[in-house]
Amino acid sequence: MLTDPAGRFRLLAMAEAVSWAGLLVGMFFKYVVVGNDLGVRVFGPVHGVLFVCYVLVTLLARGPLGWRVPTLILALVASIPPFGTVVFERWAARTGRLDRARRPAEV
């Protein structure tokens, strides 16, 4: 999975989404349930690091995967809303943008 750009991208897209989930759960416990910010203190930095790693892997994957600028922008924008990276990864896989050999003409 880590040997090719598509595998690295997929791994980071999923990890970033999982860290979003952890951060959202931490915020729920902090603001709704108990007022304890332990979840936010743990998942906040984890999510921050994975967010930066996702952006870097996305920028590095652009060339090898042959993404044009609109696809790159979509991938980067997908990192902002919760679970957007998973939605983008699934779309990119379905449309062949993670498989250079099968990729159709790009947007």
C-alpha atoms as a PDB file:
ATOM      1  CA  MET A   1       0.000   0.000   0.000  1.00  0.00           C
ATOM      2  CA  LEU A   2       2.817   2.431   0.755  1.00  0.00           C
ATOM      3  CA  THR A   3       4.838   1.508  -2.321  1.00  0.00           C
ATOM      4  CA  ASP A   4       2.884   3.623  -4.800  1.00  0.00           C
ATOM      5  CA  PRO A   5       1.423   7.156  -4.738  1.00  0.00           C
ATOM      6  CA  ALA A   6      -2.175   5.908  -4.964  1.00  0.00           C
ATOM      7  CA  GLY A   7      -1.685   3.629  -1.955  1.00  0.00           C
ATOM      8  CA  ARG A   8      -0.118   6.384   0.128  1.00  0.00           C
ATOM      9  CA  PHE A   9      -2.914   8.753  -0.871  1.00  0.00           C
ATOM     10  CA  ARG A  10      -5.613   6.219   0.053  1.00  0.00           C
ATOM     11  CA  LEU A  11      -3.996   5.479   3.411  1.00  0.00           C
ATOM     12  CA  LEU A  12      -3.717   9.148   4.348  1.00  0.00           C
ATOM     13  CA  ALA A  13      -7.252   9.905   3.141  1.00  0.00           C
ATOM     14  CA  MET A  14      -8.643   7.213   5.442  1.00  0.00           C
ATOM     15  CA  ALA A  15      -6.388   8.137   8.369  1.00  0.00           C
ATOM     16  CA  GLU A  16      -7.377  11.811   8.082  1.00  0.00           C
ATOM     17  CA  ALA A  17     -11.062  10.836   8.145  1.00  0.00           C
ATOM     18  CA  VAL A  18     -10.573   8.604  11.201  1.00  0.00           C
ATOM     19  CA  SER A  19      -8.782  11.438  12.999  1.00  0.00           C
ATOM     20  CA  TRP A  20     -11.732  13.718  12.131  1.00  0.00           C
ATOM     21  CA  ALA A  21     -14.063  11.179  13.742  1.00  0.00           C
ATOM     22  CA  GLY A  22     -11.901  11.068  16.860  1.00  0.00           C
ATOM     23  CA  LEU A  23     -11.815  14.838  17.074  1.00  0.00           C
ATOM     24  CA  LEU A  24     -15.597  15.090  16.640  1.00  0.00           C
ATOM     25  CA  VAL A  25     -16.150  12.517  19.393  1.00  0.00           C
ATOM     26  CA  GLY A  26     -13.708  14.407  21.604  1.00  0.00           C
ATOM     27  CA  MET A  27     -15.581  17.660  20.967  1.00  0.00           C
ATOM     28  CA  PHE A  28     -18.897  15.961  21.733  1.00  0.00           C
ATOM     29  CA  PHE A  29     -17.594  14.790  25.101  1.00  0.00           C
ATOM     30  CA  LYS A  30     -16.018  18.164  25.829  1.00  0.00           C
ATOM     31  CA  TYR A  31     -19.003  20.334  25.010  1.00  0.00           C
ATOM     32  CA  VAL A  32     -22.025  18.056  25.528  1.00  0.00           C
ATOM     33  CA  VAL A  33     -21.342  15.176  27.880  1.00  0.00           C
ATOM     34  CA  VAL A  34     -18.753  15.819  30.577  1.00  0.00           C
ATOM     35  CA  GLY A  35     -16.824  18.995  29.860  1.00  0.00           C
ATOM     36  CA  ASN A  36     -13.552  17.047  29.755  1.00  0.00           C
ATOM     37  CA  ASP A  37     -11.241  18.096  26.914  1.00  0.00           C
ATOM     38  CA  LEU A  38      -9.014  14.997  26.932  1.00  0.00           C
ATOM     39  CA  GLY A  39     -10.359  13.781  23.564  1.00  0.00           C
ATOM     40  CA  VAL A  40      -9.714  17.156  21.960  1.00  0.00           C
ATOM     41  CA  ARG A  41      -6.216  17.348  23.463  1.00  0.00           C
ATOM     42  CA  VAL A  42      -5.424  13.892  22.045  1.00  0.00           C
ATOM     43  CA  PHE A  43      -7.147  13.987  18.665  1.00  0.00           C
ATOM     44  CA  GLY A  44      -6.558  17.683  17.914  1.00  0.00           C
ATOM     45  CA  PRO A  45      -2.807  17.323  17.340  1.00  0.00           C
ATOM     46  CA  VAL A  46      -3.228  13.890  15.714  1.00  0.00           C
ATOM     47  CA  HIS A  47      -5.721  15.336  13.266  1.00  0.00           C
ATOM     48  CA  GLY A  48      -3.480  18.334  12.624  1.00  0.00           C
ATOM     49  CA  VAL A  49      -0.511  16.151  11.729  1.00  0.00           C
ATOM     50  CA  LEU A  50      -2.597  13.844   9.531  1.00  0.00           C
ATOM     51  CA  PHE A  51      -4.167  16.862   7.791  1.00  0.00           C
ATOM     52  CA  VAL A  52      -0.737  18.234   6.897  1.00  0.00           C
ATOM     53  CA  CYS A  53       0.428  14.768   5.787  1.00  0.00           C
ATOM     54  CA  TYR A  54      -2.680  14.382   3.602  1.00  0.00           C
ATOM     55  CA  VAL A  55      -2.016  17.729   1.921  1.00  0.00           C
ATOM     56  CA  LEU A  56       1.635  16.819   1.297  1.00  0.00           C
ATOM     57  CA  VAL A  57       0.815  13.348  -0.048  1.00  0.00           C
ATOM     58  CA  THR A  58      -1.871  14.864  -2.274  1.00  0.00           C
ATOM     59  CA  LEU A  59       0.572  17.388  -3.711  1.00  0.00           C
ATOM     60  CA  LEU A  60       3.182  14.667  -4.246  1.00  0.00           C
ATOM     61  CA  ALA A  61       0.658  12.276  -5.839  1.00  0.00           C
ATOM     62  CA  ARG A  62      -0.485  14.789  -8.450  1.00  0.00           C
ATOM     63  CA  GLY A  63       2.406  14.157 -10.847  1.00  0.00           C
ATOM     64  CA  PRO A  64       2.603  10.359 -10.697  1.00  0.00           C
ATOM     65  CA  LEU A  65      -1.185  10.008 -10.916  1.00  0.00           C
ATOM     66  CA  GLY A  66      -1.457  12.550 -13.720  1.00  0.00           C
ATOM     67  CA  TRP A  67      -4.012  14.737 -11.964  1.00  0.00           C
ATOM     68  CA  ARG A  68      -4.828  18.045 -13.554  1.00  0.00           C
ATOM     69  CA  VAL A  69      -5.314  21.173 -11.483  1.00  0.00           C
ATOM     70  CA  PRO A  70      -9.121  20.787 -11.013  1.00  0.00           C
ATOM     71  CA  THR A  71      -8.648  17.281  -9.577  1.00  0.00           C
ATOM     72  CA  LEU A  72      -5.861  18.509  -7.306  1.00  0.00           C
ATOM     73  CA  ILE A  73      -8.036  21.355  -6.052  1.00  0.00           C
ATOM     74  CA  LEU A  74     -10.908  18.945  -5.355  1.00  0.00           C
ATOM     75  CA  ALA A  75      -8.547  16.675  -3.419  1.00  0.00           C
ATOM     76  CA  LEU A  76      -7.265  19.589  -1.339  1.00  0.00           C
ATOM     77  CA  VAL A  77     -10.736  21.039  -0.695  1.00  0.00           C
ATOM     78  CA  ALA A  78     -11.895  17.569   0.372  1.00  0.00           C
ATOM     79  CA  SER A  79      -9.585  17.810   3.369  1.00  0.00           C
ATOM     80  CA  ILE A  80     -11.649  20.608   4.925  1.00  0.00           C
ATOM     81  CA  PRO A  81     -15.071  19.078   5.712  1.00  0.00           C
ATOM     82  CA  PRO A  82     -15.269  16.023   7.958  1.00  0.00           C
ATOM     83  CA  PHE A  83     -14.903  12.796   5.956  1.00  0.00           C
ATOM     84  CA  GLY A  84     -14.421  14.709   2.699  1.00  0.00           C
ATOM     85  CA  THR A  85     -11.204  12.837   2.021  1.00  0.00           C
ATOM     86  CA  VAL A  86     -13.095   9.532   2.001  1.00  0.00           C
ATOM     87  CA  VAL A  87     -15.684  10.917  -0.403  1.00  0.00           C
ATOM     88  CA  PHE A  88     -12.934  12.182  -2.711  1.00  0.00           C
ATOM     89  CA  GLU A  89     -10.947   8.927  -2.471  1.00  0.00           C
ATOM     90  CA  ARG A  90     -13.996   6.848  -3.385  1.00  0.00           C
ATOM     91  CA  TRP A  91     -14.813   9.161  -6.302  1.00  0.00           C
ATOM     92  CA  ALA A  92     -11.201   9.134  -7.500  1.00  0.00           C
ATOM     93  CA  ALA A  93     -11.076   5.332  -7.324  1.00  0.00           C
ATOM     94  CA  ARG A  94     -14.396   4.956  -9.125  1.00  0.00           C
ATOM     95  CA  THR A  95     -13.383   7.342 -11.935  1.00  0.00           C
ATOM     96  CA  GLY A  96      -9.925   5.788 -12.378  1.00  0.00           C
ATOM     97  CA  ARG A  97      -7.962   8.732 -11.032  1.00  0.00           C
ATOM     98  CA  LEU A  98      -6.051   6.473  -8.646  1.00  0.00           C
ATOM     99  CA  ASP A  99      -5.062   4.062 -11.384  1.00  0.00           C
ATOM    100  CA  ARG A 100      -2.914   5.767 -13.997  1.00  0.00           C
ATOM    101  CA  ALA A 101      -3.335   2.938 -16.521  1.00  0.00           C
ATOM    102  CA  ARG A 102      -7.157   2.938 -16.461  1.00  0.00           C
ATOM    103  CA  ARG A 103      -7.784   6.659 -16.013  1.00  0.00           C
ATOM    104  CA  PRO A 104     -10.228   8.234 -18.499  1.00  0.00           C
ATOM    105  CA  ALA A 105      -9.863  11.773 -19.789  1.00  0.00           C
ATOM    106  CA  GLU A 106      -9.772  14.069 -16.766  1.00  0.00           C
ATOM    107  CA  VAL A 107     -11.837  17.034 -15.769  1.00  0.00           C
END
